[in-house]
């Protein structure tokens, strides 16, 4: 896992739920089968109504039509990101779309745990909401070592909360890989 990385921001509003992150009609695809797995990337955040999304410039999809990976790698959102149903497909879809991290002041607990437990992406908690300071397409640098996000054009920095053990779990590839690494479960445990 990269500790410092740069990427384009994709900005959303508050209370983005898992049905907006990956609409239920796309849950028919397998996360295991090549060809079907990519569909999750293609349809990631396709359930966000443009009028309610908080996107400053309006009609900008996360993933361009016909693609399965986004030009954006960091999602910046308002409070309560990932609320709604408890589907682990939501952080998986975002990872498949190329999202490395989501930065929000608060998360729905189940989304946060699914993101960490599956090792899908880094759920970064900002000290304050950043949606007023960052626009879709802005270049950001996320620095987990120093604990901040830097807007590359303005050079303004915003503090983030420390990840703690979450960083080790995501870096290991998820909770079961972490447990194996720490010797809590055997290497052959099929969980």
Foldseek 3Di string as FASTA:
>chain_A
DDQKDKWFEFEWEPDAALCQQANPVLPVFDCPDPVRVLVLLQRGNVNDDQVHTLAPVTDDDQPPPPGSAGRTAEYAYEAAPHDDDLDLSRLSSSLSNRHAEYEYQYYDVSNQQSCLQQLRHHYWHFVHRCSVPHHGGFMWMRRLPVAWIAGVPVRDITGIDHPPCSVVSSVLRHDVSSCCVVVVDPPPDDD
